[in-house]
Every structure is written in structure tokens, then in C-alpha cells.
């Protein structure tokens, strides 16, 4: 039976990790070298109510994010949004190894009234999963460590009228740098990304040339990501940076190409073709077809 530990606030996190009381109720930086990693029993999962950004500089333990192994190795960053499930499999060897790195943890209440709250959805890496960690160069590590130091210094000193804004500004700067570094990682992994893009194209081609669309409906971004062993957000970002098009646009391309073939090479009605392509309502198929081609299915067939 799987047990869940729910960590509701920064104070509970400090207690679990054996750290001293937090200096701020909504944000904290923890130096992993100064604490002993908590022993998490087998089948124990941790769910937190805050955002986490963790930097590890020594490989230690196997981490699972959701149900998948996370590529959280030496020199990598792990970002988690609230209510995501994390588990750590610590071996006996890991228990005797000193963990190096830092963790920044902040509660959504910290940013709730700020403009940053509206931007959090744009930092899609908080929903990345297996094999999607951010691997940093030494220069990049130093850049983030500098910002982390400024945040820690700000909430550790006497708070004043400007402290909250300064903390939020530095936090947003940190998140923007992570965005930049992920962009760099997508570029440096271009050959690997091209393989992923090719695999996506093969997946969609097979989907629409088989009976899968009729049986399962139109493939979703989530479906494609699961087939390629990525999170939906990571696959979307990777494909967008590599091809300039979203995963949804790639799905629609294959769908429209298949529709054109059926319209010109069969006697099937528009409703029958819509059904073959996984549409529950023919009107929705006609709407998408016209938005992509400028013509209704019937007019396209008549003109060709």
C-alpha cells in the first residue's frame, strides 16, 4: 500500500528535512550539505503545497517524479509545482553520502498578488517529467547560485516595505534564467530532438493510416507525449523550438492530409470521413478542415 506525506507549508518542510526553523513563512533556501536527507520509507510518496527548485551537485539516490524516473543527476535542476508527487529511493550507499546542492521552496501565497502569479503557467518546466531535467554548465550554476544568494540574504535580513518586491523580482529573474538555460539545452540536443520530431511524425502517420483514429478518436498532445515517454509540456516545447509548430499543429497537418486523400480517393460522405478520422461531430471536422485549407470538405472535393 502506498502512503502519502502531505507537506502543507515551509515550516513542515523544514521539520521533515531536519533543518532549523525557516526565517520566512513563505519562502526558504535550504543548503543540502547542512542537513541529512530524510529517510523515506518504501512505498512512501511526498506531495507538497509549494513550488520547488532543487539543484543537486552530487549524484545521490533515484528520484521518481509522478510514476517515472527523473533524470536528476549531478549538476541538474529539478522544478516541481504544487501537488505533484515525488518519491526517492535511497540505497544504503546513498544514506552514507553527503548531498551537495540547494533547494529553493516558495508557497503560492508569496506571489499570489503579484504579476508573477499570472506568468507561472509560462514556466512550463514545472510540469516536465522523465529524462527532462535541466543540466547546467559551471557558469550557469554560478549564475543561479548568485540569485539564490540574493534571495536568501533578502529574507534573512530585517524585512521592510520593499523586501517582498525585491524577493519577487529576484525569483522571477531566476525563473527567466531557467527558461534561457532550457532553451540552450534544446539547442545543444538538436540531433536528439530531430529524432524525437521524426518519431512524432511516424507516430502520427501510423495513427491516421491505421484504424486508431476511428477507434480511439483524434490523438491528443498528452497521448503523443506518453507514446514518446515525455510530459506534454516538454514535448510541446521541444517540438515548437525544433519545428516552429506546436504538437497540435502537427496533429492537424496529418489529419488534414488524410482527409484530403479520403475526399479525393473515395466515395465516402463527409460524415463518414469525419468518423474515420475520429470526429464525433462532422460539423467540427468541417470547421477544422476549412480553417486549415480555406475550403469546406465538399468544396475541396468538387474543385479537385
C-alpha atoms as a PDB file:
ATOM      1  CA  UNK A   1       0.000   0.000   0.000  1.00  0.00           C
ATOM      2  CA  UNK A   2       1.333   3.440  -0.955  1.00  0.00           C
ATOM      3  CA  UNK A   3       1.426   6.077   1.782  1.00  0.00           C
ATOM      4  CA  UNK A   4       1.344   9.798   1.044  1.00  0.00           C
ATOM      5  CA  UNK A   5       3.082  12.504   3.064  1.00  0.00           C
ATOM      6  CA  UNK A   6       1.414  15.884   2.533  1.00  0.00           C
ATOM      7  CA  UNK A   7       3.691  18.851   3.271  1.00  0.00           C
ATOM      8  CA  UNK A   8       1.459  21.899   3.552  1.00  0.00           C
ATOM      9  CA  UNK A   9       3.914  24.695   4.270  1.00  0.00           C
ATOM     10  CA  UNK A  10       7.557  25.718   4.540  1.00  0.00           C
ATOM     11  CA  UNK A  11       7.675  25.009   8.306  1.00  0.00           C
ATOM     12  CA  UNK A  12       6.603  21.393   7.781  1.00  0.00           C
ATOM     13  CA  UNK A  13       9.255  21.025   5.094  1.00  0.00           C
ATOM     14  CA  UNK A  14      11.980  22.214   7.480  1.00  0.00           C
ATOM     15  CA  UNK A  15      10.772  19.769  10.115  1.00  0.00           C
ATOM     16  CA  UNK A  16      10.833  16.858   7.674  1.00  0.00           C
ATOM     17  CA  UNK A  17      14.340  17.728   6.495  1.00  0.00           C
ATOM     18  CA  UNK A  18      15.698  18.355   9.979  1.00  0.00           C
ATOM     19  CA  UNK A  19      16.518  21.978   9.184  1.00  0.00           C
ATOM     20  CA  UNK A  20      16.288  24.914  11.580  1.00  0.00           C
ATOM     21  CA  UNK A  21      13.090  26.950  11.663  1.00  0.00           C
ATOM     22  CA  UNK A  22      12.522  28.976   8.480  1.00  0.00           C
ATOM     23  CA  UNK A  23      13.287  32.697   8.548  1.00  0.00           C
ATOM     24  CA  UNK A  24      10.354  33.474   6.254  1.00  0.00           C
ATOM     25  CA  UNK A  25       6.956  31.714   6.307  1.00  0.00           C
ATOM     26  CA  UNK A  26       6.514  31.570   2.524  1.00  0.00           C
ATOM     27  CA  UNK A  27       9.994  31.117   1.015  1.00  0.00           C
ATOM     28  CA  UNK A  28      13.163  29.325   2.019  1.00  0.00           C
ATOM     29  CA  UNK A  29      16.554  28.284   0.666  1.00  0.00           C
ATOM     30  CA  UNK A  30      17.956  25.058   2.129  1.00  0.00           C
ATOM     31  CA  UNK A  31      21.627  24.098   1.809  1.00  0.00           C
ATOM     32  CA  UNK A  32      21.506  20.326   1.348  1.00  0.00           C
ATOM     33  CA  UNK A  33      25.040  19.902   2.692  1.00  0.00           C
ATOM     34  CA  UNK A  34      23.846  21.143   6.098  1.00  0.00           C
ATOM     35  CA  UNK A  35      21.066  18.602   6.545  1.00  0.00           C
ATOM     36  CA  UNK A  36      20.740  14.840   6.497  1.00  0.00           C
ATOM     37  CA  UNK A  37      18.451  13.587   3.735  1.00  0.00           C
ATOM     38  CA  UNK A  38      15.225  12.323   5.291  1.00  0.00           C
ATOM     39  CA  UNK A  39      14.733   8.567   5.188  1.00  0.00           C
ATOM     40  CA  UNK A  40      11.630   7.962   3.131  1.00  0.00           C
ATOM     41  CA  UNK A  41      10.107   4.510   3.788  1.00  0.00           C
ATOM     42  CA  UNK A  42       9.389   2.182   0.894  1.00  0.00           C
ATOM     43  CA  UNK A  43       6.145   2.965  -0.943  1.00  0.00           C
ATOM     44  CA  UNK A  44       6.134   6.443   0.575  1.00  0.00           C
ATOM     45  CA  UNK A  45       5.340   9.398  -1.669  1.00  0.00           C
ATOM     46  CA  UNK A  46       5.650  13.088  -0.912  1.00  0.00           C
ATOM     47  CA  UNK A  47       3.191  15.754  -2.089  1.00  0.00           C
ATOM     48  CA  UNK A  48       3.922  19.404  -1.315  1.00  0.00           C
ATOM     49  CA  UNK A  49       1.816  22.558  -1.469  1.00  0.00           C
ATOM     50  CA  UNK A  50       4.630  24.804  -2.720  1.00  0.00           C
ATOM     51  CA  UNK A  51       6.940  25.298  -5.695  1.00  0.00           C
ATOM     52  CA  UNK A  52      10.351  23.626  -5.529  1.00  0.00           C
ATOM     53  CA  UNK A  53      13.545  24.347  -7.476  1.00  0.00           C
ATOM     54  CA  UNK A  54      16.334  21.977  -6.460  1.00  0.00           C
ATOM     55  CA  UNK A  55      19.937  21.932  -7.611  1.00  0.00           C
ATOM     56  CA  UNK A  56      21.964  18.785  -6.948  1.00  0.00           C
ATOM     57  CA  UNK A  57      25.756  18.749  -7.343  1.00  0.00           C
ATOM     58  CA  UNK A  58      26.359  15.120  -6.268  1.00  0.00           C
ATOM     59  CA  UNK A  59      24.520  12.119  -7.672  1.00  0.00           C
ATOM     60  CA  UNK A  60      22.615  10.501  -4.832  1.00  0.00           C
ATOM     61  CA  UNK A  61      19.585   8.248  -4.893  1.00  0.00           C
ATOM     62  CA  UNK A  62      16.993   7.520  -7.556  1.00  0.00           C
ATOM     63  CA  UNK A  63      14.205  10.042  -7.801  1.00  0.00           C
ATOM     64  CA  UNK A  64      10.764   9.429  -9.204  1.00  0.00           C
ATOM     65  CA  UNK A  65       8.568  12.260 -10.362  1.00  0.00           C
ATOM     66  CA  UNK A  66       4.986  11.056 -10.744  1.00  0.00           C
ATOM     67  CA  UNK A  67       5.454   7.443 -11.833  1.00  0.00           C
ATOM     68  CA  UNK A  68       8.621   7.935 -13.855  1.00  0.00           C
ATOM     69  CA  UNK A  69      12.328   8.036 -13.039  1.00  0.00           C
ATOM     70  CA  UNK A  70      13.614  11.592 -13.196  1.00  0.00           C
ATOM     71  CA  UNK A  71      16.947  12.449 -14.753  1.00  0.00           C
ATOM     72  CA  UNK A  72      18.057  14.243 -11.571  1.00  0.00           C
ATOM     73  CA  UNK A  73      21.824  13.777 -11.669  1.00  0.00           C
ATOM     74  CA  UNK A  74      24.916  15.703 -10.727  1.00  0.00           C
ATOM     75  CA  UNK A  75      24.690  19.296 -11.927  1.00  0.00           C
ATOM     76  CA  UNK A  76      20.981  19.225 -12.732  1.00  0.00           C
ATOM     77  CA  UNK A  77      17.893  21.195 -11.732  1.00  0.00           C
ATOM     78  CA  UNK A  78      14.534  19.727 -10.745  1.00  0.00           C
ATOM     79  CA  UNK A  79      11.478  22.018 -10.758  1.00  0.00           C
ATOM     80  CA  UNK A  80       8.166  20.975  -9.232  1.00  0.00           C
ATOM     81  CA  UNK A  81       4.817  22.729  -8.975  1.00  0.00           C
ATOM     82  CA  UNK A  82       2.453  22.246  -6.007  1.00  0.00           C
ATOM     83  CA  UNK A  83       0.566  18.941  -5.663  1.00  0.00           C
ATOM     84  CA  UNK A  84       2.977  16.879  -7.754  1.00  0.00           C
ATOM     85  CA  UNK A  85       4.097  13.518  -6.412  1.00  0.00           C
ATOM     86  CA  UNK A  86       7.747  12.836  -5.605  1.00  0.00           C
ATOM     87  CA  UNK A  87       9.454   9.725  -4.259  1.00  0.00           C
ATOM     88  CA  UNK A  88      13.111   8.970  -3.568  1.00  0.00           C
ATOM     89  CA  UNK A  89      14.702   5.526  -3.491  1.00  0.00           C
ATOM     90  CA  UNK A  90      17.748   5.902  -1.242  1.00  0.00           C
ATOM     91  CA  UNK A  91      20.175   2.967  -1.162  1.00  0.00           C
ATOM     92  CA  UNK A  92      22.372   2.170   1.843  1.00  0.00           C
ATOM     93  CA  UNK A  93      25.277   3.722  -0.038  1.00  0.00           C
ATOM     94  CA  UNK A  94      23.270   6.897  -0.599  1.00  0.00           C
ATOM     95  CA  UNK A  95      22.419   7.178   3.093  1.00  0.00           C
ATOM     96  CA  UNK A  96      26.124   7.468   3.876  1.00  0.00           C
ATOM     97  CA  UNK A  97      26.820  10.010   1.144  1.00  0.00           C
ATOM     98  CA  UNK A  98      26.761  13.747   1.764  1.00  0.00           C
ATOM     99  CA  UNK A  99      24.300  15.526  -0.517  1.00  0.00           C
ATOM    100  CA  UNK A 100      25.505  18.763  -2.056  1.00  0.00           C
ATOM    101  CA  UNK A 101      23.372  21.473  -3.594  1.00  0.00           C
ATOM    102  CA  UNK A 102      20.475  23.727  -2.682  1.00  0.00           C
ATOM    103  CA  UNK A 103      16.733  23.893  -2.764  1.00  0.00           C
ATOM    104  CA  UNK A 104      14.516  26.937  -3.164  1.00  0.00           C
ATOM    105  CA  UNK A 105      10.963  26.469  -1.948  1.00  0.00           C
ATOM    106  CA  UNK A 106       8.173  29.030  -2.099  1.00  0.00           C
ATOM    107  CA  UNK A 107       4.459  28.904  -1.366  1.00  0.00           C
ATOM    108  CA  UNK A 108       1.954  30.173  -3.992  1.00  0.00           C
ATOM    109  CA  UNK A 109       0.740  32.734  -1.447  1.00  0.00           C
ATOM    110  CA  UNK A 110       4.091  34.519  -1.793  1.00  0.00           C
ATOM    111  CA  UNK A 111       3.316  35.542  -5.378  1.00  0.00           C
ATOM    112  CA  UNK A 112      -0.484  35.404  -5.388  1.00  0.00           C
ATOM    113  CA  UNK A 113      -0.997  39.193  -5.604  1.00  0.00           C
ATOM    114  CA  UNK A 114       1.939  39.824  -7.933  1.00  0.00           C
ATOM    115  CA  UNK A 115       2.195  39.839 -11.729  1.00  0.00           C
ATOM    116  CA  UNK A 116       4.449  36.770 -11.448  1.00  0.00           C
ATOM    117  CA  UNK A 117       1.445  34.650 -10.421  1.00  0.00           C
ATOM    118  CA  UNK A 118      -0.087  35.151 -13.875  1.00  0.00           C
ATOM    119  CA  UNK A 119       3.186  34.215 -15.561  1.00  0.00           C
ATOM    120  CA  UNK A 120       3.747  30.915 -13.739  1.00  0.00           C
ATOM    121  CA  UNK A 121       1.869  28.983 -16.413  1.00  0.00           C
ATOM    122  CA  UNK A 122       4.508  30.148 -18.906  1.00  0.00           C
ATOM    123  CA  UNK A 123       7.264  28.378 -16.962  1.00  0.00           C
ATOM    124  CA  UNK A 124       6.265  25.026 -18.393  1.00  0.00           C
ATOM    125  CA  UNK A 125       9.311  23.237 -16.997  1.00  0.00           C
ATOM    126  CA  UNK A 126       7.472  22.913 -13.674  1.00  0.00           C
ATOM    127  CA  UNK A 127       5.479  20.142 -15.390  1.00  0.00           C
ATOM    128  CA  UNK A 128       8.372  18.340 -17.070  1.00  0.00           C
ATOM    129  CA  UNK A 129       8.855  14.705 -16.216  1.00  0.00           C
ATOM    130  CA  UNK A 130      11.096  11.767 -17.101  1.00  0.00           C
ATOM    131  CA  UNK A 131      14.509  12.481 -18.632  1.00  0.00           C
ATOM    132  CA  UNK A 132      13.748  16.193 -18.796  1.00  0.00           C
ATOM    133  CA  UNK A 133      15.935  17.702 -16.074  1.00  0.00           C
ATOM    134  CA  UNK A 134      17.899  20.877 -16.792  1.00  0.00           C
ATOM    135  CA  UNK A 135      21.640  20.146 -16.902  1.00  0.00           C
ATOM    136  CA  UNK A 136      23.800  23.169 -16.169  1.00  0.00           C
ATOM    137  CA  UNK A 137      27.278  24.327 -17.098  1.00  0.00           C
ATOM    138  CA  UNK A 138      29.522  25.660 -14.321  1.00  0.00           C
ATOM    139  CA  UNK A 139      28.824  29.207 -15.470  1.00  0.00           C
ATOM    140  CA  UNK A 140      25.068  28.604 -15.374  1.00  0.00           C
ATOM    141  CA  UNK A 141      25.332  27.057 -11.896  1.00  0.00           C
ATOM    142  CA  UNK A 142      27.142  30.156 -10.660  1.00  0.00           C
ATOM    143  CA  UNK A 143      24.522  32.453 -12.189  1.00  0.00           C
ATOM    144  CA  UNK A 144      21.665  30.704 -10.391  1.00  0.00           C
ATOM    145  CA  UNK A 145      23.647  30.400  -7.149  1.00  0.00           C
ATOM    146  CA  UNK A 146      24.212  34.160  -7.177  1.00  0.00           C
ATOM    147  CA  UNK A 147      20.478  34.856  -7.464  1.00  0.00           C
ATOM    148  CA  UNK A 148      19.703  32.264  -4.791  1.00  0.00           C
ATOM    149  CA  UNK A 149      22.174  34.029  -2.504  1.00  0.00           C
ATOM    150  CA  UNK A 150      20.445  37.376  -3.048  1.00  0.00           C
ATOM    151  CA  UNK A 151      17.033  35.889  -2.291  1.00  0.00           C
ATOM    152  CA  UNK A 152      18.291  34.246   0.896  1.00  0.00           C
ATOM    153  CA  UNK A 153      20.025  37.413   2.014  1.00  0.00           C
ATOM    154  CA  UNK A 154      16.900  39.488   1.405  1.00  0.00           C
ATOM    155  CA  UNK A 155      14.511  37.401   3.502  1.00  0.00           C
ATOM    156  CA  UNK A 156      17.150  36.783   6.196  1.00  0.00           C
ATOM    157  CA  UNK A 157      17.733  40.472   6.934  1.00  0.00           C
ATOM    158  CA  UNK A 158      15.289  42.874   8.548  1.00  0.00           C
ATOM    159  CA  UNK A 159      12.265  42.926   6.278  1.00  0.00           C
ATOM    160  CA  UNK A 160      10.998  46.326   5.158  1.00  0.00           C
ATOM    161  CA  UNK A 161       8.398  47.782   2.795  1.00  0.00           C
ATOM    162  CA  UNK A 162      10.467  46.842  -0.276  1.00  0.00           C
ATOM    163  CA  UNK A 163      11.536  43.320   0.753  1.00  0.00           C
ATOM    164  CA  UNK A 164       8.610  41.481  -0.819  1.00  0.00           C
ATOM    165  CA  UNK A 165       9.035  43.193  -4.197  1.00  0.00           C
ATOM    166  CA  UNK A 166      12.792  42.568  -4.170  1.00  0.00           C
ATOM    167  CA  UNK A 167      12.290  38.881  -3.380  1.00  0.00           C
ATOM    168  CA  UNK A 168       9.680  38.518  -6.142  1.00  0.00           C
ATOM    169  CA  UNK A 169      11.930  40.323  -8.655  1.00  0.00           C
ATOM    170  CA  UNK A 170      14.853  38.014  -7.930  1.00  0.00           C
ATOM    171  CA  UNK A 171      12.590  34.974  -8.044  1.00  0.00           C
ATOM    172  CA  UNK A 172      11.284  35.991 -11.471  1.00  0.00           C
ATOM    173  CA  UNK A 173      14.868  36.578 -12.619  1.00  0.00           C
ATOM    174  CA  UNK A 174      15.768  33.048 -11.509  1.00  0.00           C
ATOM    175  CA  UNK A 175      12.821  31.563 -13.407  1.00  0.00           C
ATOM    176  CA  UNK A 176      13.695  33.526 -16.539  1.00  0.00           C
ATOM    177  CA  UNK A 177      17.266  32.260 -16.417  1.00  0.00           C
ATOM    178  CA  UNK A 178      15.945  28.699 -16.150  1.00  0.00           C
ATOM    179  CA  UNK A 179      13.873  29.407 -19.270  1.00  0.00           C
ATOM    180  CA  UNK A 180      17.001  30.614 -21.061  1.00  0.00           C
ATOM    181  CA  UNK A 181      19.055  27.607 -19.972  1.00  0.00           C
ATOM    182  CA  UNK A 182      16.331  25.180 -21.077  1.00  0.00           C
ATOM    183  CA  UNK A 183      16.348  26.958 -24.439  1.00  0.00           C
ATOM    184  CA  UNK A 184      20.094  26.379 -24.642  1.00  0.00           C
ATOM    185  CA  UNK A 185      19.617  22.717 -23.754  1.00  0.00           C
ATOM    186  CA  UNK A 186      17.071  22.254 -26.524  1.00  0.00           C
ATOM    187  CA  UNK A 187      19.610  23.687 -28.988  1.00  0.00           C
ATOM    188  CA  UNK A 188      22.545  21.589 -27.789  1.00  0.00           C
ATOM    189  CA  UNK A 189      20.381  18.473 -28.038  1.00  0.00           C
ATOM    190  CA  UNK A 190      19.260  19.324 -31.563  1.00  0.00           C
ATOM    191  CA  UNK A 191      20.222  15.967 -33.121  1.00  0.00           C
ATOM    192  CA  UNK A 192      18.372  14.125 -30.380  1.00  0.00           C
ATOM    193  CA  UNK A 193      15.405  16.483 -30.776  1.00  0.00           C
ATOM    194  CA  UNK A 194      15.268  15.828 -34.513  1.00  0.00           C
ATOM    195  CA  UNK A 195      14.979  12.128 -33.737  1.00  0.00           C
ATOM    196  CA  UNK A 196      12.055  12.907 -31.439  1.00  0.00           C
ATOM    197  CA  UNK A 197      10.411  15.024 -34.132  1.00  0.00           C
ATOM    198  CA  UNK A 198      10.859  12.239 -36.691  1.00  0.00           C
ATOM    199  CA  UNK A 199       9.376   9.730 -34.264  1.00  0.00           C
ATOM    200  CA  UNK A 200       6.400  12.023 -33.672  1.00  0.00           C
ATOM    201  CA  UNK A 201       5.805  12.273 -37.430  1.00  0.00           C
ATOM    202  CA  UNK A 202       5.955   8.478 -37.751  1.00  0.00           C
ATOM    203  CA  UNK A 203       3.591   8.090 -34.809  1.00  0.00           C
ATOM    204  CA  UNK A 204       1.003  10.424 -36.334  1.00  0.00           C
ATOM    205  CA  UNK A 205       1.368   8.955 -39.810  1.00  0.00           C
ATOM    206  CA  UNK A 206       0.770   5.465 -38.451  1.00  0.00           C
ATOM    207  CA  UNK A 207      -2.148   6.690 -36.344  1.00  0.00           C
ATOM    208  CA  UNK A 208      -4.056   8.160 -39.263  1.00  0.00           C
ATOM    209  CA  UNK A 209      -3.241   5.406 -41.771  1.00  0.00           C
ATOM    210  CA  UNK A 210      -4.483   2.735 -39.377  1.00  0.00           C
ATOM    211  CA  UNK A 211      -7.892   2.432 -37.737  1.00  0.00           C
ATOM    212  CA  UNK A 212      -6.704   4.008 -34.486  1.00  0.00           C
ATOM    213  CA  UNK A 213      -8.395   7.345 -35.172  1.00  0.00           C
ATOM    214  CA  UNK A 214     -11.752   5.708 -35.766  1.00  0.00           C
ATOM    215  CA  UNK A 215     -11.397   3.535 -32.660  1.00  0.00           C
ATOM    216  CA  UNK A 216      -9.757   5.985 -30.242  1.00  0.00           C
ATOM    217  CA  UNK A 217     -10.584   9.416 -31.608  1.00  0.00           C
ATOM    218  CA  UNK A 218      -8.239  12.237 -32.579  1.00  0.00           C
ATOM    219  CA  UNK A 219      -4.838  11.871 -30.867  1.00  0.00           C
ATOM    220  CA  UNK A 220      -4.137  14.413 -28.160  1.00  0.00           C
ATOM    221  CA  UNK A 221      -0.868  16.084 -27.212  1.00  0.00           C
ATOM    222  CA  UNK A 222      -0.934  14.058 -23.994  1.00  0.00           C
ATOM    223  CA  UNK A 223      -1.295  10.824 -25.976  1.00  0.00           C
ATOM    224  CA  UNK A 224       1.657  11.689 -28.209  1.00  0.00           C
ATOM    225  CA  UNK A 225       3.790  12.622 -25.207  1.00  0.00           C
ATOM    226  CA  UNK A 226       3.005   9.368 -23.433  1.00  0.00           C
ATOM    227  CA  UNK A 227       3.913   7.347 -26.524  1.00  0.00           C
ATOM    228  CA  UNK A 228       7.259   9.164 -26.751  1.00  0.00           C
ATOM    229  CA  UNK A 229       7.865   8.986 -22.969  1.00  0.00           C
ATOM    230  CA  UNK A 230       7.762  12.719 -22.313  1.00  0.00           C
ATOM    231  CA  UNK A 231       5.494  15.055 -20.424  1.00  0.00           C
ATOM    232  CA  UNK A 232       3.061  17.013 -22.595  1.00  0.00           C
ATOM    233  CA  UNK A 233       4.712  20.348 -21.781  1.00  0.00           C
ATOM    234  CA  UNK A 234       8.240  19.154 -22.515  1.00  0.00           C
ATOM    235  CA  UNK A 235       7.252  17.604 -25.851  1.00  0.00           C
ATOM    236  CA  UNK A 236       5.342  20.763 -26.784  1.00  0.00           C
ATOM    237  CA  UNK A 237       8.327  22.998 -26.008  1.00  0.00           C
ATOM    238  CA  UNK A 238      10.794  20.691 -27.775  1.00  0.00           C
ATOM    239  CA  UNK A 239       8.687  20.397 -30.948  1.00  0.00           C
ATOM    240  CA  UNK A 240       7.955  24.135 -31.022  1.00  0.00           C
ATOM    241  CA  UNK A 241      11.642  25.049 -30.759  1.00  0.00           C
ATOM    242  CA  UNK A 242      12.678  22.464 -33.342  1.00  0.00           C
ATOM    243  CA  UNK A 243       9.947  22.908 -35.974  1.00  0.00           C
ATOM    244  CA  UNK A 244       8.332  26.253 -35.184  1.00  0.00           C
ATOM    245  CA  UNK A 245       4.979  24.466 -34.932  1.00  0.00           C
ATOM    246  CA  UNK A 246       3.075  23.119 -31.944  1.00  0.00           C
ATOM    247  CA  UNK A 247       2.320  19.433 -31.461  1.00  0.00           C
ATOM    248  CA  UNK A 248      -1.339  20.285 -32.106  1.00  0.00           C
ATOM    249  CA  UNK A 249      -0.384  21.777 -35.484  1.00  0.00           C
ATOM    250  CA  UNK A 250       1.489  18.579 -36.387  1.00  0.00           C
ATOM    251  CA  UNK A 251      -1.581  16.542 -35.430  1.00  0.00           C
ATOM    252  CA  UNK A 252      -3.826  18.747 -37.561  1.00  0.00           C
ATOM    253  CA  UNK A 253      -1.419  18.527 -40.514  1.00  0.00           C
ATOM    254  CA  UNK A 254      -1.618  14.724 -40.609  1.00  0.00           C
ATOM    255  CA  UNK A 255      -5.352  14.826 -40.011  1.00  0.00           C
ATOM    256  CA  UNK A 256      -5.957  17.228 -42.927  1.00  0.00           C
ATOM    257  CA  UNK A 257      -3.640  15.288 -45.250  1.00  0.00           C
ATOM    258  CA  UNK A 258      -5.542  12.095 -44.504  1.00  0.00           C
ATOM    259  CA  UNK A 259      -8.855  13.921 -45.008  1.00  0.00           C
ATOM    260  CA  UNK A 260      -7.726  15.236 -48.419  1.00  0.00           C
ATOM    261  CA  UNK A 261      -6.775  11.724 -49.503  1.00  0.00           C
ATOM    262  CA  UNK A 262     -10.137  10.300 -48.493  1.00  0.00           C
ATOM    263  CA  UNK A 263     -12.073  13.152 -50.077  1.00  0.00           C
ATOM    264  CA  UNK A 264     -10.348  12.683 -53.446  1.00  0.00           C
ATOM    265  CA  UNK A 265      -9.959   8.909 -53.491  1.00  0.00           C
ATOM    266  CA  UNK A 266     -13.178   7.559 -52.038  1.00  0.00           C
ATOM    267  CA  UNK A 267     -16.920   7.887 -52.354  1.00  0.00           C
ATOM    268  CA  UNK A 268     -17.371   8.256 -48.616  1.00  0.00           C
ATOM    269  CA  UNK A 269     -19.549  11.104 -47.405  1.00  0.00           C
ATOM    270  CA  UNK A 270     -18.080  13.927 -45.348  1.00  0.00           C
ATOM    271  CA  UNK A 271     -19.760  12.445 -42.259  1.00  0.00           C
ATOM    272  CA  UNK A 272     -18.187   9.043 -42.909  1.00  0.00           C
ATOM    273  CA  UNK A 273     -14.742  10.592 -43.403  1.00  0.00           C
ATOM    274  CA  UNK A 274     -15.154  12.598 -40.212  1.00  0.00           C
ATOM    275  CA  UNK A 275     -15.961   9.376 -38.377  1.00  0.00           C
ATOM    276  CA  UNK A 276     -12.914   7.609 -39.871  1.00  0.00           C
ATOM    277  CA  UNK A 277     -10.724  10.439 -38.587  1.00  0.00           C
ATOM    278  CA  UNK A 278     -12.062  10.206 -35.053  1.00  0.00           C
ATOM    279  CA  UNK A 279     -14.541  13.099 -35.020  1.00  0.00           C
ATOM    280  CA  UNK A 280     -17.710  12.677 -33.019  1.00  0.00           C
ATOM    281  CA  UNK A 281     -19.370  15.571 -34.847  1.00  0.00           C
ATOM    282  CA  UNK A 282     -18.952  16.083 -38.633  1.00  0.00           C
ATOM    283  CA  UNK A 283     -19.510  19.824 -38.195  1.00  0.00           C
ATOM    284  CA  UNK A 284     -16.338  20.081 -36.084  1.00  0.00           C
ATOM    285  CA  UNK A 285     -14.360  18.251 -38.776  1.00  0.00           C
ATOM    286  CA  UNK A 286     -15.672  20.651 -41.439  1.00  0.00           C
ATOM    287  CA  UNK A 287     -14.773  23.635 -39.282  1.00  0.00           C
ATOM    288  CA  UNK A 288     -11.161  22.489 -38.773  1.00  0.00           C
ATOM    289  CA  UNK A 289     -10.782  21.498 -42.438  1.00  0.00           C
ATOM    290  CA  UNK A 290     -11.947  24.914 -43.627  1.00  0.00           C
ATOM    291  CA  UNK A 291      -9.727  26.743 -41.109  1.00  0.00           C
ATOM    292  CA  UNK A 292      -6.675  24.885 -42.456  1.00  0.00           C
ATOM    293  CA  UNK A 293      -7.456  24.854 -46.199  1.00  0.00           C
ATOM    294  CA  UNK A 294      -9.810  27.793 -46.721  1.00  0.00           C
ATOM    295  CA  UNK A 295     -12.376  25.431 -48.252  1.00  0.00           C
ATOM    296  CA  UNK A 296     -15.144  23.256 -46.897  1.00  0.00           C
ATOM    297  CA  UNK A 297     -14.645  19.473 -47.416  1.00  0.00           C
ATOM    298  CA  UNK A 298     -17.399  19.436 -50.065  1.00  0.00           C
ATOM    299  CA  UNK A 299     -15.931  22.395 -51.976  1.00  0.00           C
ATOM    300  CA  UNK A 300     -12.428  20.897 -51.804  1.00  0.00           C
ATOM    301  CA  UNK A 301     -13.734  17.648 -53.328  1.00  0.00           C
ATOM    302  CA  UNK A 302     -15.664  19.488 -56.054  1.00  0.00           C
ATOM    303  CA  UNK A 303     -12.690  21.688 -57.014  1.00  0.00           C
ATOM    304  CA  UNK A 304     -10.332  18.744 -57.384  1.00  0.00           C
END
